[in-house]
Amino acid sequence: MKLKKINEKDKNYTLYEYIKISCLRQNNSIGDLCRSTGLAYKTIRNLKEKKPRMSTYIKIANYFNIISADLYELDIKKEEV
């Protein structure tokens, strides 16, 4: 299966926002993501504050069938203006 790139408008989201919205688009919950990937819910929640390990990026990318490097480029926090 060919991996997809994150579309341009989704690059405006933080990593956590992207995960939350992508789950909703698939009619899944973050809990579903956690069960499928083996990640703890706390790991996903912590993405609001800090970058995860590379293995976490890879698990999330595989779940959404996207390129992990695209996830890595998403900000963790919004820039303060």
C-alpha atoms as a PDB file:
ATOM      1  CA  MET A   1       0.000   0.000   0.000  1.00  0.00           C
ATOM      2  CA  LYS A   2       1.360   3.398  -0.985  1.00  0.00           C
ATOM      3  CA  LEU A   3       1.870   5.932   1.811  1.00  0.00           C
ATOM      4  CA  LYS A   4       0.094   9.278   1.531  1.00  0.00           C
ATOM      5  CA  LYS A   5       1.459  12.728   2.251  1.00  0.00           C
ATOM      6  CA  ILE A   6      -0.269  15.062   4.684  1.00  0.00           C
ATOM      7  CA  ASN A   7      -2.256  17.609   2.673  1.00  0.00           C
ATOM      8  CA  GLU A   8      -1.189  21.242   2.845  1.00  0.00           C
ATOM      9  CA  LYS A   9      -4.097  22.542   4.948  1.00  0.00           C
ATOM     10  CA  ASP A  10      -3.456  19.874   7.595  1.00  0.00           C
ATOM     11  CA  LYS A  11       0.108  21.148   8.023  1.00  0.00           C
ATOM     12  CA  ASN A  12      -1.361  24.093   9.963  1.00  0.00           C
ATOM     13  CA  TYR A  13      -2.391  21.772  12.803  1.00  0.00           C
ATOM     14  CA  THR A  14      -0.250  20.760  15.733  1.00  0.00           C
ATOM     15  CA  LEU A  15       0.623  17.079  15.931  1.00  0.00           C
ATOM     16  CA  TYR A  16      -2.062  16.415  18.553  1.00  0.00           C
ATOM     17  CA  GLU A  17      -4.698  18.342  16.567  1.00  0.00           C
ATOM     18  CA  TYR A  18      -3.804  16.414  13.425  1.00  0.00           C
ATOM     19  CA  ILE A  19      -4.182  13.093  15.236  1.00  0.00           C
ATOM     20  CA  LYS A  20      -7.516  14.100  16.759  1.00  0.00           C
ATOM     21  CA  ILE A  21      -8.944  15.360  13.455  1.00  0.00           C
ATOM     22  CA  SER A  22      -7.641  12.368  11.497  1.00  0.00           C
ATOM     23  CA  CYS A  23      -9.277   9.993  13.959  1.00  0.00           C
ATOM     24  CA  LEU A  24     -12.579  11.846  13.570  1.00  0.00           C
ATOM     25  CA  ARG A  25     -12.307  11.685   9.776  1.00  0.00           C
ATOM     26  CA  GLN A  26     -12.011   7.909  10.040  1.00  0.00           C
ATOM     27  CA  ASN A  27     -14.868   7.691  12.563  1.00  0.00           C
ATOM     28  CA  ASN A  28     -12.395   6.448  15.156  1.00  0.00           C
ATOM     29  CA  SER A  29     -11.348   7.710  18.550  1.00  0.00           C
ATOM     30  CA  ILE A  30      -7.927   8.320  20.008  1.00  0.00           C
ATOM     31  CA  GLY A  31      -8.654   5.223  22.099  1.00  0.00           C
ATOM     32  CA  ASP A  32      -8.993   3.217  18.865  1.00  0.00           C
ATOM     33  CA  LEU A  33      -5.621   4.560  17.728  1.00  0.00           C
ATOM     34  CA  CYS A  34      -4.078   3.555  21.062  1.00  0.00           C
ATOM     35  CA  ARG A  35      -5.515   0.037  20.941  1.00  0.00           C
ATOM     36  CA  SER A  36      -4.368  -0.491  17.358  1.00  0.00           C
ATOM     37  CA  THR A  37      -0.848   0.850  17.846  1.00  0.00           C
ATOM     38  CA  GLY A  38      -0.162  -0.247  21.415  1.00  0.00           C
ATOM     39  CA  LEU A  39       0.502   3.361  22.443  1.00  0.00           C
ATOM     40  CA  ALA A  40      -0.685   4.564  25.832  1.00  0.00           C
ATOM     41  CA  TYR A  41      -3.368   7.263  25.871  1.00  0.00           C
ATOM     42  CA  LYS A  42      -1.006   9.339  28.015  1.00  0.00           C
ATOM     43  CA  THR A  43       1.590   9.192  25.228  1.00  0.00           C
ATOM     44  CA  ILE A  44      -0.877  10.750  22.806  1.00  0.00           C
ATOM     45  CA  ARG A  45      -2.026  13.338  25.353  1.00  0.00           C
ATOM     46  CA  ASN A  46       1.615  14.297  26.014  1.00  0.00           C
ATOM     47  CA  LEU A  47       1.959  15.266  22.357  1.00  0.00           C
ATOM     48  CA  LYS A  48       0.366  18.574  23.339  1.00  0.00           C
ATOM     49  CA  GLU A  49       3.592  19.446  25.166  1.00  0.00           C
ATOM     50  CA  LYS A  50       6.556  17.486  23.822  1.00  0.00           C
ATOM     51  CA  LYS A  51       7.853  15.621  20.805  1.00  0.00           C
ATOM     52  CA  PRO A  52       7.497  11.849  20.955  1.00  0.00           C
ATOM     53  CA  ARG A  53      10.076   9.184  20.243  1.00  0.00           C
ATOM     54  CA  MET A  54      10.658   8.315  16.606  1.00  0.00           C
ATOM     55  CA  SER A  55       9.005   4.926  17.194  1.00  0.00           C
ATOM     56  CA  THR A  56       5.817   6.760  18.216  1.00  0.00           C
ATOM     57  CA  TYR A  57       5.865   8.828  15.020  1.00  0.00           C
ATOM     58  CA  ILE A  58       6.228   5.619  13.023  1.00  0.00           C
ATOM     59  CA  LYS A  59       3.321   3.874  14.796  1.00  0.00           C
ATOM     60  CA  ILE A  60       1.039   6.867  14.275  1.00  0.00           C
ATOM     61  CA  ALA A  61       2.099   7.242  10.625  1.00  0.00           C
ATOM     62  CA  ASN A  62       1.446   3.553   9.984  1.00  0.00           C
ATOM     63  CA  TYR A  63      -1.998   3.833  11.583  1.00  0.00           C
ATOM     64  CA  PHE A  64      -2.965   6.698   9.255  1.00  0.00           C
ATOM     65  CA  ASN A  65      -0.994   5.276   6.287  1.00  0.00           C
ATOM     66  CA  ILE A  66       1.045   8.468   5.920  1.00  0.00           C
ATOM     67  CA  ILE A  67       4.733   9.330   5.658  1.00  0.00           C
ATOM     68  CA  SER A  68       6.274   9.610   9.131  1.00  0.00           C
ATOM     69  CA  ALA A  69       8.504  12.516   8.053  1.00  0.00           C
ATOM     70  CA  ASP A  70       5.351  14.561   7.398  1.00  0.00           C
ATOM     71  CA  LEU A  71       4.213  13.983  10.983  1.00  0.00           C
ATOM     72  CA  TYR A  72       7.637  14.983  12.269  1.00  0.00           C
ATOM     73  CA  GLU A  73       7.287  18.361  10.565  1.00  0.00           C
ATOM     74  CA  LEU A  74       4.103  19.241  12.480  1.00  0.00           C
ATOM     75  CA  ASP A  75       4.532  21.631  15.394  1.00  0.00           C
ATOM     76  CA  ILE A  76       3.928  20.457  18.934  1.00  0.00           C
ATOM     77  CA  LYS A  77       2.565  23.816  20.088  1.00  0.00           C
ATOM     78  CA  LYS A  78       1.122  26.731  18.170  1.00  0.00           C
ATOM     79  CA  GLU A  79       3.432  29.663  17.726  1.00  0.00           C
ATOM     80  CA  GLU A  80       2.636  32.523  20.095  1.00  0.00           C
ATOM     81  CA  VAL A  81       1.969  35.767  18.215  1.00  0.00           C
END
